[in-house]
Amino acid sequence: MTAYALSARRPWTHRTAVRLGHALTAWGDRPVRRSAAHADLVDQLEATRDRAARQLPQLPR
């Protein structure tokens, strides 16, 4: 049986990958800034979709 001496410290590639993963996760979780006009556009879009779904029952709501 062969014994290997392994360092408790991870190699730099592993540490870099972990840091990059944390950075990407933080970037993905950031709050997205949207203007008040965006909320108006979403309301208008939802109203149009609901109106179309009422006229065409086969459309999903």
Protein backbone atom coordinates (compact mmCIF):
# COMPACT_ATOMS: atom_id res chain seq x y z
CA MET A 1 0.00 0.00 0.00
CA THR A 2 1.35 3.42 -0.94
CA ALA A 3 0.89 6.47 1.27
CA TYR A 4 0.51 9.88 -0.28
CA ALA A 5 1.18 13.13 1.51
CA LEU A 6 -1.53 15.58 0.48
CA SER A 7 -1.52 19.23 1.32
CA ALA A 8 -4.47 20.53 3.35
CA ARG A 9 -4.38 23.65 1.18
CA ARG A 10 -6.31 23.36 -2.08
CA PRO A 11 -4.50 24.09 -5.36
CA TRP A 12 -4.85 27.59 -6.77
CA THR A 13 -7.05 26.39 -9.64
CA HIS A 14 -9.60 25.03 -7.16
CA ARG A 15 -9.54 28.23 -5.10
CA THR A 16 -9.91 30.33 -8.25
CA ALA A 17 -12.86 28.25 -9.44
CA VAL A 18 -14.57 28.60 -6.05
CA ARG A 19 -14.03 32.38 -6.05
CA LEU A 20 -15.36 32.65 -9.59
CA GLY A 21 -18.39 30.56 -8.65
CA HIS A 22 -19.13 32.80 -5.67
CA ALA A 23 -18.74 35.92 -7.81
CA LEU A 24 -21.09 34.61 -10.50
CA THR A 25 -23.67 33.60 -7.92
CA ALA A 26 -23.53 37.04 -6.29
CA TRP A 27 -23.86 38.70 -9.69
CA GLY A 28 -26.87 36.53 -10.57
CA ASP A 29 -28.58 37.30 -7.25
CA ARG A 30 -28.21 41.07 -7.54
CA PRO A 31 -31.40 43.13 -7.64
CA VAL A 32 -32.22 44.38 -11.12
CA ARG A 33 -33.12 48.06 -11.31
CA ARG A 34 -36.20 48.79 -13.35
CA SER A 35 -37.97 52.05 -13.99
CA ALA A 36 -41.61 52.83 -13.22
CA ALA A 37 -42.26 52.73 -16.96
CA HIS A 38 -41.28 49.05 -16.92
CA ALA A 39 -44.07 48.28 -14.43
CA ASP A 40 -46.54 50.11 -16.70
CA LEU A 41 -45.40 48.08 -19.70
CA VAL A 42 -45.78 44.82 -17.75
CA ASP A 43 -49.30 45.81 -16.67
CA GLN A 44 -50.21 46.64 -20.26
CA LEU A 45 -48.77 43.36 -21.51
CA GLU A 46 -50.68 41.33 -18.91
CA ALA A 47 -53.92 43.15 -19.71
CA THR A 48 -53.46 42.43 -23.42
CA ARG A 49 -52.69 38.78 -22.71
CA ASP A 50 -55.79 38.41 -20.49
CA ARG A 51 -57.99 40.10 -23.08
CA ALA A 52 -56.70 37.76 -25.79
CA ALA A 53 -57.21 34.73 -23.53
CA ARG A 54 -60.83 35.73 -22.94
CA GLN A 55 -61.46 36.03 -26.69
CA LEU A 56 -59.61 32.80 -27.53
CA PRO A 57 -60.27 30.23 -24.78
CA GLN A 58 -57.58 27.88 -26.09
CA LEU A 59 -54.85 30.33 -25.07
CA PRO A 60 -53.31 29.78 -21.64
CA ARG A 61 -53.86 32.45 -19.00
